[in-house]
N, C-alpha and C. Protein backbone atom coordinates (compact mmCIF):
# COMPACT_ATOMS: atom_id res chain seq x y z
N UNK A 1 -29.06 23.34 5.40
CA UNK A 1 -30.54 23.76 5.46
C UNK A 1 -31.57 23.93 7.36
N UNK A 2 -30.81 24.26 7.99
CA UNK A 2 -30.91 24.42 9.44
C UNK A 2 -32.10 24.28 10.01
N UNK A 3 -32.84 25.26 9.12
CA UNK A 3 -34.41 26.30 9.49
C UNK A 3 -35.50 25.10 9.48
N UNK A 4 -35.49 24.22 8.29
CA UNK A 4 -36.74 22.94 8.48
C UNK A 4 -36.00 22.18 8.75
N UNK A 5 -35.06 21.36 9.35
CA UNK A 5 -34.13 20.34 9.85
C UNK A 5 -35.00 20.45 11.53
N UNK A 6 -34.73 21.67 12.03
CA UNK A 6 -35.51 21.81 13.72
C UNK A 6 -36.40 22.48 13.72
N UNK A 7 -37.10 22.90 12.34
CA UNK A 7 -38.79 23.52 12.79
C UNK A 7 -37.92 25.01 12.78
N UNK A 8 -37.23 25.79 12.77
CA UNK A 8 -36.76 27.27 13.50
C UNK A 8 -37.01 28.36 12.47
N UNK A 9 -38.49 28.25 12.68
CA UNK A 9 -38.82 29.53 11.60
C UNK A 9 -38.43 30.61 12.17
N UNK A 10 -38.03 31.46 11.44
CA UNK A 10 -37.25 32.72 11.39
C UNK A 10 -35.84 32.53 11.62
N UNK A 11 -35.57 31.66 11.51
CA UNK A 11 -33.54 31.60 11.48
C UNK A 11 -33.20 32.24 10.14
N UNK A 12 -33.48 32.17 9.48
CA UNK A 12 -32.96 32.87 8.11
C UNK A 12 -32.58 34.30 7.67
N UNK A 13 -33.24 35.13 8.54
CA UNK A 13 -32.65 36.72 8.64
C UNK A 13 -31.82 36.64 9.26
N UNK A 14 -31.63 36.50 11.05
CA UNK A 14 -30.56 36.31 11.35
C UNK A 14 -29.55 36.00 11.21
N UNK A 15 -29.59 34.67 10.65
CA UNK A 15 -28.26 33.62 10.36
C UNK A 15 -27.96 34.83 9.00
N UNK A 16 -28.93 35.37 7.90
CA UNK A 16 -28.15 36.07 6.97
C UNK A 16 -27.21 37.41 7.15
N UNK A 17 -27.94 37.80 8.52
CA UNK A 17 -27.33 39.24 8.97
C UNK A 17 -25.71 38.56 9.95
N UNK A 18 -25.97 37.37 10.67
CA UNK A 18 -24.46 37.03 10.76
C UNK A 18 -23.43 36.74 9.71
N UNK A 19 -23.76 36.12 8.57
CA UNK A 19 -23.28 35.69 7.52
C UNK A 19 -22.53 36.84 6.69
N UNK A 20 -23.49 38.01 6.96
CA UNK A 20 -22.83 39.61 6.62
C UNK A 20 -21.48 40.28 6.94
N UNK A 21 -22.04 39.97 8.06
CA UNK A 21 -21.02 40.15 9.35
C UNK A 21 -19.47 39.65 9.51
N UNK A 22 -20.01 38.06 9.43
CA UNK A 22 -18.37 37.44 9.05
C UNK A 22 -17.85 37.80 7.93
N UNK A 23 -18.61 37.94 6.83
CA UNK A 23 -17.70 38.36 5.42
C UNK A 23 -18.52 39.34 5.14
N UNK A 24 -18.03 40.45 5.56
CA UNK A 24 -18.92 42.09 4.74
C UNK A 24 -18.10 42.11 3.43
N UNK A 25 -16.95 40.97 2.85
CA UNK A 25 -16.40 41.90 1.21
C UNK A 25 -17.58 40.87 0.77
N UNK A 26 -18.59 39.86 1.32
CA UNK A 26 -19.26 39.40 0.21
C UNK A 26 -20.71 39.92 0.52
N UNK A 27 -21.70 39.49 -0.93
CA UNK A 27 -23.06 39.83 -0.80
C UNK A 27 -23.95 38.73 -0.43
N UNK A 28 -24.75 38.83 0.76
CA UNK A 28 -25.27 38.07 0.82
C UNK A 28 -27.02 37.97 0.19
N UNK A 29 -27.25 36.82 0.02
CA UNK A 29 -28.47 36.51 -1.20
C UNK A 29 -29.65 35.59 0.17
N UNK A 30 -30.58 36.40 1.13
CA UNK A 30 -31.39 36.07 1.78
C UNK A 30 -32.80 35.70 0.94
N UNK A 31 -33.15 34.00 0.99
CA UNK A 31 -34.37 34.17 0.58
C UNK A 31 -35.57 33.48 2.26
N UNK A 32 -36.57 34.35 2.00
CA UNK A 32 -37.16 33.47 3.59
C UNK A 32 -38.49 33.77 3.22
N UNK A 33 -39.34 33.06 3.96
CA UNK A 33 -40.87 33.32 3.79
C UNK A 33 -41.26 34.62 5.02
N UNK A 34 -42.60 35.06 4.25
CA UNK A 34 -43.34 36.13 5.36
C UNK A 34 -43.78 36.19 6.09
N UNK A 35 -43.81 34.66 6.93
CA UNK A 35 -43.85 34.31 8.43
C UNK A 35 -42.64 34.42 9.18
N UNK A 36 -41.73 33.34 8.88
CA UNK A 36 -40.54 33.42 9.23
C UNK A 36 -39.71 35.23 9.35
N UNK A 37 -40.41 35.99 8.42
CA UNK A 37 -39.39 37.33 8.48
C UNK A 37 -40.43 38.10 9.38
N UNK A 38 -41.41 37.89 9.69
CA UNK A 38 -42.37 38.56 10.75
C UNK A 38 -41.59 38.42 12.16
N UNK A 39 -41.03 37.46 12.51
CA UNK A 39 -40.56 36.88 13.57
C UNK A 39 -39.20 37.45 14.02
N UNK A 40 -38.63 37.94 12.82
CA UNK A 40 -37.16 38.66 12.90
C UNK A 40 -36.81 40.03 12.40
N UNK A 41 -37.73 40.16 11.95
CA UNK A 41 -37.68 41.43 10.75
C UNK A 41 -36.74 42.72 10.88
N UNK A 42 -36.70 42.62 12.74
CA UNK A 42 -35.38 43.58 13.04
C UNK A 42 -34.20 43.63 12.40
N UNK A 43 -33.85 42.44 11.98
CA UNK A 43 -32.48 42.10 11.53
C UNK A 43 -32.09 42.92 10.50
N UNK A 44 -33.07 43.39 9.97
CA UNK A 44 -33.10 44.49 8.62
C UNK A 44 -31.98 45.56 9.15
N UNK A 45 -32.81 46.02 10.32
CA UNK A 45 -32.01 47.51 11.11
C UNK A 45 -30.72 46.96 11.19
N UNK A 46 -30.58 46.06 11.83
CA UNK A 46 -29.35 45.72 12.10
C UNK A 46 -28.14 45.65 10.83
N UNK A 47 -28.72 45.21 9.64
CA UNK A 47 -27.87 45.04 8.06
C UNK A 47 -27.76 46.48 7.81
N UNK A 48 -28.31 47.22 7.97
CA UNK A 48 -28.32 49.02 7.26
C UNK A 48 -27.53 49.28 8.31
N UNK A 49 -27.63 49.57 9.55
CA UNK A 49 -26.55 49.93 10.59
C UNK A 49 -25.06 49.60 10.51
N UNK A 50 -24.95 48.23 10.06
CA UNK A 50 -23.75 48.14 9.73
C UNK A 50 -23.11 47.67 8.21
N UNK A 51 -24.30 48.22 7.54
CA UNK A 51 -23.25 48.78 6.10
C UNK A 51 -23.42 47.52 5.09
N UNK A 52 -24.13 46.26 5.84
CA UNK A 52 -24.46 45.37 4.51
C UNK A 52 -25.96 45.53 3.54
N UNK A 53 -25.32 45.15 2.88
CA UNK A 53 -25.95 44.69 1.38
C UNK A 53 -26.52 43.84 0.92
N UNK A 54 -27.46 43.17 1.33
CA UNK A 54 -27.79 41.88 1.17
C UNK A 54 -28.85 42.39 -0.17
N UNK A 55 -29.20 40.97 -0.69
CA UNK A 55 -30.67 41.10 -1.51
C UNK A 55 -31.13 40.13 -0.60
N UNK A 56 -32.39 40.46 -0.41
CA UNK A 56 -33.39 40.39 0.35
C UNK A 56 -34.76 39.46 -0.28
N UNK A 57 -34.98 38.27 -0.35
CA UNK A 57 -36.37 37.92 -1.04
C UNK A 57 -37.23 37.67 -0.19
N UNK A 58 -38.02 38.02 -0.27
CA UNK A 58 -39.61 37.77 0.82
C UNK A 58 -40.43 37.28 0.11
N UNK A 59 -40.44 35.56 0.10
CA UNK A 59 -41.45 35.23 -0.41
C UNK A 59 -43.05 35.29 0.34
N UNK A 60 -44.09 35.79 0.02
CA UNK A 60 -44.96 36.75 0.03
C UNK A 60 -46.52 35.57 0.06
N UNK A 61 -46.56 34.71 0.94
CA UNK A 61 -47.95 34.01 0.69
C UNK A 61 -48.74 33.69 1.36
N UNK A 62 -48.69 35.10 2.59
CA UNK A 62 -50.03 35.13 3.02
C UNK A 62 -49.90 34.30 4.59
N UNK A 63 -48.81 33.78 5.33
CA UNK A 63 -48.61 32.78 5.84
C UNK A 63 -47.85 31.88 6.17
N UNK A 64 -47.98 31.01 6.61
CA UNK A 64 -46.78 29.74 6.97
C UNK A 64 -47.06 28.73 6.21
N UNK A 65 -46.66 28.28 4.73
CA UNK A 65 -47.25 27.24 4.03
C UNK A 65 -46.61 26.31 4.42
N UNK A 66 -45.62 26.32 4.76
CA UNK A 66 -45.42 24.86 5.20
C UNK A 66 -46.11 24.07 6.49
N UNK A 67 -46.40 25.26 7.29
CA UNK A 67 -47.59 24.70 8.30
C UNK A 67 -48.79 24.33 7.60
N UNK A 68 -49.37 24.94 6.84
CA UNK A 68 -50.21 24.88 5.68
C UNK A 68 -50.32 23.32 5.38
N UNK A 69 -49.11 22.79 4.71
CA UNK A 69 -48.85 21.25 4.27
C UNK A 69 -48.79 20.40 5.35
N UNK A 70 -48.99 21.04 6.83
CA UNK A 70 -48.84 19.91 7.91
C UNK A 70 -49.89 19.94 8.36
N UNK A 71 -50.55 20.96 8.80
CA UNK A 71 -51.84 20.98 9.92
C UNK A 71 -53.08 21.06 9.21
N UNK A 72 -53.04 21.17 7.67
CA UNK A 72 -54.05 21.64 6.78
C UNK A 72 -53.90 22.75 5.91
N UNK A 73 -54.58 23.34 4.84
CA UNK A 73 -54.45 24.72 4.11
C UNK A 73 -55.18 25.47 5.25
N UNK A 74 -56.77 24.97 5.57
CA UNK A 74 -57.44 25.79 6.04
C UNK A 74 -57.36 26.52 7.66
N UNK A 75 -56.32 26.16 8.66
CA UNK A 75 -56.26 26.60 10.19
C UNK A 75 -55.70 28.08 9.75
N UNK A 76 -56.81 28.69 10.38
CA UNK A 76 -56.67 30.35 10.37
C UNK A 76 -55.33 30.62 11.18
N UNK A 77 -54.74 29.35 12.06
CA UNK A 77 -53.98 30.19 12.42
C UNK A 77 -52.16 30.25 11.68
N UNK A 78 -52.66 29.87 10.88
CA UNK A 78 -51.38 29.80 9.33
C UNK A 78 -51.43 31.17 8.58
N UNK A 79 -52.44 31.97 8.99
CA UNK A 79 -52.51 32.63 8.07
C UNK A 79 -51.93 33.99 8.89
N UNK A 80 -51.40 35.15 7.93
CA UNK A 80 -50.49 36.41 8.91
C UNK A 80 -50.94 37.57 8.36
N UNK A 81 -50.84 38.83 9.02
CA UNK A 81 -50.78 40.27 8.52
C UNK A 81 -50.27 40.26 7.43
N UNK A 82 -50.57 41.04 6.13
CA UNK A 82 -50.03 41.00 5.14
C UNK A 82 -49.19 42.41 5.13
N UNK A 83 -47.87 42.34 5.60
CA UNK A 83 -47.10 43.64 5.46
C UNK A 83 -46.71 44.05 4.13
N UNK A 84 -46.36 45.10 4.25
CA UNK A 84 -45.68 45.90 2.92
C UNK A 84 -44.33 45.69 3.25
N UNK A 85 -43.76 44.36 2.60
CA UNK A 85 -42.40 44.08 3.16
C UNK A 85 -40.86 45.05 2.23
N UNK A 86 -41.52 45.32 0.87
CA UNK A 86 -40.75 45.95 0.11
C UNK A 86 -40.22 47.33 0.95
N UNK A 87 -41.17 47.89 1.61
CA UNK A 87 -41.29 49.09 2.55
C UNK A 87 -40.16 49.03 4.08
N UNK A 88 -40.27 47.87 4.28
CA UNK A 88 -39.44 47.69 5.94
C UNK A 88 -38.18 48.09 5.67
N UNK A 89 -37.30 48.14 4.79
CA UNK A 89 -36.06 48.98 5.21
C UNK A 89 -36.32 50.67 5.41
N UNK A 90 -37.04 51.29 5.02
CA UNK A 90 -37.18 52.47 5.11
C UNK A 90 -38.18 52.88 6.30
N UNK A 91 -38.46 52.27 6.87
CA UNK A 91 -39.04 52.35 8.35
C UNK A 91 -37.87 51.64 9.57
N UNK A 92 -36.65 51.40 9.05
CA UNK A 92 -36.05 50.73 9.82
C UNK A 92 -34.64 51.82 9.74
N UNK A 93 -34.51 52.70 8.46
CA UNK A 93 -33.14 53.52 8.34
C UNK A 93 -34.08 54.83 7.25
N UNK A 94 -34.63 55.67 7.75
CA UNK A 94 -35.13 56.50 7.03
C UNK A 94 -34.78 57.47 5.50
N UNK A 95 -33.58 57.83 5.92
CA UNK A 95 -32.26 57.71 4.96
C UNK A 95 -31.56 57.00 4.01
N UNK A 96 -31.76 55.96 4.35
CA UNK A 96 -30.49 54.55 4.16
C UNK A 96 -31.34 54.65 2.63
N UNK A 97 -30.05 54.20 1.77
CA UNK A 97 -30.49 54.47 0.26
C UNK A 97 -30.59 52.44 0.22
N UNK A 98 -32.11 52.37 -0.47
CA UNK A 98 -31.91 50.82 -1.00
C UNK A 98 -32.72 50.82 -2.02
N UNK A 99 -32.75 49.53 -2.46
CA UNK A 99 -33.67 49.22 -3.65
C UNK A 99 -34.82 48.26 -3.24
N UNK A 100 -36.03 48.84 -3.46
CA UNK A 100 -37.15 47.59 -3.00
C UNK A 100 -37.90 47.74 -4.56
N UNK A 101 -38.73 46.18 -4.57
CA UNK A 101 -39.26 46.04 -5.45
C UNK A 101 -40.24 44.97 -4.96
N UNK A 102 -41.22 45.17 -5.75
CA UNK A 102 -42.63 43.99 -5.79
C UNK A 102 -42.83 43.44 -6.96
N UNK A 103 -42.94 42.09 -7.02
CA UNK A 103 -43.40 41.64 -8.25
C UNK A 103 -44.20 40.46 -7.91
N UNK A 104 -44.83 39.96 -8.97
CA UNK A 104 -45.82 39.00 -8.82
C UNK A 104 -45.52 37.83 -10.12
N UNK A 105 -44.55 38.04 -11.21
CA UNK A 105 -44.54 37.32 -11.95
C UNK A 105 -43.12 36.94 -12.33
N UNK A 106 -42.79 35.84 -12.86
CA UNK A 106 -41.78 35.32 -13.19
C UNK A 106 -40.46 36.45 -14.31
N UNK A 107 -41.67 37.05 -14.61
CA UNK A 107 -40.96 38.08 -15.86
C UNK A 107 -40.62 39.19 -14.87
N UNK A 108 -41.20 39.59 -14.46
CA UNK A 108 -41.13 40.62 -13.40
C UNK A 108 -39.53 40.76 -12.58
N UNK A 109 -39.73 39.09 -12.16
CA UNK A 109 -38.97 39.02 -11.10
C UNK A 109 -37.21 39.09 -11.88
N UNK A 110 -37.38 38.39 -13.42
CA UNK A 110 -36.30 38.41 -14.05
C UNK A 110 -35.63 39.95 -14.39
N UNK A 111 -36.92 40.69 -14.59
CA UNK A 111 -36.29 42.34 -15.01
C UNK A 111 -35.63 42.82 -14.03
N UNK A 112 -36.10 42.61 -12.86
CA UNK A 112 -35.28 43.17 -11.37
C UNK A 112 -33.73 42.28 -11.12
N UNK A 113 -34.08 41.33 -11.44
CA UNK A 113 -32.33 40.46 -11.11
C UNK A 113 -31.44 41.08 -12.44
N UNK A 114 -31.92 40.98 -13.42
CA UNK A 114 -31.63 42.09 -14.48
C UNK A 114 -30.43 43.06 -14.19
N UNK A 115 -31.35 43.75 -13.77
CA UNK A 115 -30.93 45.71 -12.82
C UNK A 115 -29.76 45.16 -12.17
N UNK A 116 -29.82 44.01 -11.00
CA UNK A 116 -28.83 43.86 -10.10
C UNK A 116 -27.35 43.43 -10.60
N UNK A 117 -26.50 44.50 -10.86
CA UNK A 117 -25.22 43.77 -11.43
C UNK A 117 -24.13 44.69 -10.92
N UNK A 118 -22.81 44.41 -11.02
CA UNK A 118 -21.34 45.38 -10.81
C UNK A 118 -21.84 45.24 -8.87
N UNK A 119 -21.02 46.01 -8.09
CA UNK A 119 -20.76 46.39 -6.89
C UNK A 119 -21.92 47.02 -6.19
N UNK A 120 -22.63 46.12 -5.52
CA UNK A 120 -23.79 46.87 -4.65
C UNK A 120 -23.70 48.07 -4.20
N UNK A 121 -24.09 48.96 -3.71
CA UNK A 121 -23.78 49.98 -2.54
C UNK A 121 -25.14 50.48 -1.91
N UNK A 122 -26.26 49.42 -2.08
CA UNK A 122 -27.31 49.42 -1.27
C UNK A 122 -28.27 48.14 -0.80
N UNK A 123 -28.53 48.04 0.40
CA UNK A 123 -29.46 46.49 0.21
C UNK A 123 -30.94 46.94 -0.75
N UNK A 124 -30.72 45.73 -1.13
CA UNK A 124 -32.19 45.28 -1.58
C UNK A 124 -32.91 44.34 -1.64
N UNK A 125 -34.25 44.94 -1.39
CA UNK A 125 -35.28 44.06 -1.16
C UNK A 125 -36.64 43.42 -2.00
N UNK A 126 -36.85 42.48 -2.16
CA UNK A 126 -37.75 42.13 -3.13
C UNK A 126 -38.93 41.19 -2.60
N UNK A 127 -40.12 41.71 -2.77
CA UNK A 127 -41.71 40.71 -2.32
C UNK A 127 -41.55 40.16 -3.43
N UNK A 128 -41.86 38.80 -3.45
CA UNK A 128 -42.53 38.16 -4.31
C UNK A 128 -43.60 37.92 -3.55
N UNK A 129 -44.59 38.30 -4.54
CA UNK A 129 -46.38 37.83 -4.22
C UNK A 129 -46.44 36.47 -4.65
N UNK A 130 -47.17 35.40 -3.79
CA UNK A 130 -47.34 34.12 -4.22
C UNK A 130 -48.48 33.95 -3.65
N UNK A 131 -49.36 32.63 -4.11
CA UNK A 131 -50.49 32.63 -3.95
C UNK A 131 -50.30 31.64 -2.64
N UNK A 132 -50.74 31.37 -1.67
CA UNK A 132 -50.93 30.58 -0.31
C UNK A 132 -51.42 29.47 -0.60
N UNK A 133 -51.22 28.82 -1.76
CA UNK A 133 -51.54 27.24 -2.35
C UNK A 133 -50.16 27.02 -2.65
N UNK A 134 -49.33 27.93 -3.08
CA UNK A 134 -48.19 27.47 -4.11
C UNK A 134 -46.90 26.76 -3.37
N UNK A 135 -46.94 25.42 -3.20
CA UNK A 135 -45.73 24.80 -2.70
C UNK A 135 -45.24 23.79 -3.87
N UNK A 136 -44.14 23.39 -2.79
CA UNK A 136 -43.18 22.75 -4.23
C UNK A 136 -44.21 21.23 -4.34
N UNK A 137 -43.79 20.39 -5.32
CA UNK A 137 -44.26 19.45 -5.63
C UNK A 137 -44.21 18.40 -4.75
N UNK A 138 -43.47 17.75 -3.89
CA UNK A 138 -43.31 17.17 -2.83
C UNK A 138 -43.81 17.44 -1.67
N UNK A 139 -44.09 18.99 -1.74
CA UNK A 139 -44.18 19.50 0.08
C UNK A 139 -46.10 18.86 0.45
N UNK A 140 -47.07 18.52 -0.23
CA UNK A 140 -47.79 18.26 0.18
C UNK A 140 -47.87 16.72 0.96
N UNK A 141 -47.35 15.95 0.18
CA UNK A 141 -47.19 14.43 0.67
C UNK A 141 -46.08 14.46 2.26
N UNK A 142 -45.02 15.28 1.76
CA UNK A 142 -43.93 15.33 3.06
C UNK A 142 -44.53 16.04 4.29
N UNK A 143 -45.60 17.08 3.91
CA UNK A 143 -46.71 17.55 5.16
C UNK A 143 -47.53 16.28 5.78
N UNK A 144 -47.80 15.70 4.63
CA UNK A 144 -48.81 14.32 5.57
C UNK A 144 -48.02 13.29 6.23
N UNK A 145 -47.22 13.26 5.83
CA UNK A 145 -46.27 12.22 6.63
C UNK A 145 -45.94 12.71 7.98
N UNK A 146 -45.18 14.14 7.43
CA UNK A 146 -45.07 14.84 8.72
C UNK A 146 -45.94 14.73 9.99
N UNK A 147 -47.59 15.06 9.83
CA UNK A 147 -48.36 15.00 10.17
C UNK A 147 -48.33 13.73 10.95
N UNK A 148 -48.55 12.49 10.12
CA UNK A 148 -49.16 11.86 10.95
C UNK A 148 -48.10 11.14 11.60
N UNK A 149 -46.52 11.55 11.49
CA UNK A 149 -45.79 11.17 12.64
C UNK A 149 -45.69 11.84 13.54
N UNK A 150 -46.17 13.33 13.49
CA UNK A 150 -46.22 14.18 14.62
C UNK A 150 -47.05 13.94 15.47
N UNK A 151 -48.10 13.19 15.07
CA UNK A 151 -49.53 13.10 15.84
C UNK A 151 -49.46 11.69 16.68
N UNK A 152 -48.86 10.55 15.78
CA UNK A 152 -48.24 9.21 16.42
C UNK A 152 -47.58 9.43 17.99
N UNK A 153 -46.80 10.46 17.29
CA UNK A 153 -45.60 10.20 18.41
C UNK A 153 -46.57 11.19 19.41
N UNK A 154 -46.85 12.04 19.06
CA UNK A 154 -47.59 12.64 20.68
C UNK A 154 -48.88 12.00 21.20
N UNK A 155 -49.58 11.38 20.60
CA UNK A 155 -50.58 10.15 21.27
C UNK A 155 -49.97 8.87 21.55
N UNK A 156 -48.70 8.63 21.36
CA UNK A 156 -48.36 7.17 22.08
C UNK A 156 -47.32 7.58 22.88
N UNK A 157 -46.92 8.40 23.13
CA UNK A 157 -45.93 8.80 24.12
C UNK A 157 -46.26 9.62 25.35
N UNK A 158 -45.74 9.15 26.63
CA UNK A 158 -45.91 10.20 27.83
C UNK A 158 -45.32 11.32 28.16
N UNK A 159 -45.15 12.75 28.11
CA UNK A 159 -44.36 13.61 28.28
C UNK A 159 -43.00 13.41 29.06
N UNK A 160 -42.36 13.54 28.84
CA UNK A 160 -41.03 13.18 30.13
C UNK A 160 -41.53 13.98 31.15
N UNK A 161 -41.20 13.62 32.36
CA UNK A 161 -41.22 14.41 33.71
C UNK A 161 -40.12 14.58 34.20
N UNK A 162 -39.70 16.09 34.77
CA UNK A 162 -38.54 15.86 36.03
C UNK A 162 -39.25 15.61 37.40
N UNK A 163 -38.49 14.97 38.38
CA UNK A 163 -38.59 14.51 39.94
C UNK A 163 -38.85 15.94 40.04
N UNK A 164 -39.38 16.12 41.34
CA UNK A 164 -39.48 17.26 42.06
C UNK A 164 -38.48 17.84 42.57
N UNK A 165 -37.33 16.77 42.57
CA UNK A 165 -36.16 17.37 43.40
C UNK A 165 -35.22 18.14 42.31
N UNK A 166 -35.37 17.90 41.08
CA UNK A 166 -34.91 18.48 39.92
C UNK A 166 -34.33 16.89 39.31
N UNK A 167 -33.32 17.27 38.46
CA UNK A 167 -32.64 16.29 37.74
C UNK A 167 -31.44 15.53 38.77
N UNK A 168 -31.34 14.03 38.50
CA UNK A 168 -30.46 13.20 39.68
C UNK A 168 -29.02 14.08 39.18
N UNK A 169 -28.70 13.78 40.57
CA UNK A 169 -27.49 14.37 41.11
C UNK A 169 -27.19 16.03 41.00
N UNK A 170 -28.09 16.73 40.96
CA UNK A 170 -28.45 18.20 41.07
C UNK A 170 -28.99 18.39 42.14
N UNK A 171 -27.82 19.65 42.71
CA UNK A 171 -28.45 19.97 44.35
C UNK A 171 -28.87 20.87 44.44
N UNK A 172 -29.93 21.47 45.23
CA UNK A 172 -30.34 22.96 45.51
C UNK A 172 -29.42 23.75 45.87
N UNK A 173 -29.75 25.16 45.65
CA UNK A 173 -28.58 25.90 45.74
C UNK A 173 -29.50 27.07 46.53
């Protein structure tokens, strides 16, 4: 689970593209947030251009919900523009065959999943509309602890500085 571990928002979509390139015989399932996808959406274009057929679930909660848990739920910089995620593949490849869905309930999602069977012949994108405050049970506590640790470290440490001459042992060229 590298993205949360290293704070690499936007990691999942290009990683899914790479997985599809590495194993074209397998179908990749990508679960990504809307904020993350907005950073690397162009990789869907590459998926289509290389004939990949992933299932892409976009969790649309209107922004950076993990950051809302860390920085507070009402910070305006965690709100993002609401794209029409289910339409993205048609933007990148107008004539590519795709399946696209927008769901807002568990029942709607279950019906879409029930229709996914056999050998896929096209990319499938499912926009899952969620409430901006929809978080896993432990996320608020994790966010508070992360925020406290983050700000404690920032306040207690002097930022590292390099000497004017560069790193020790480094020669100017």
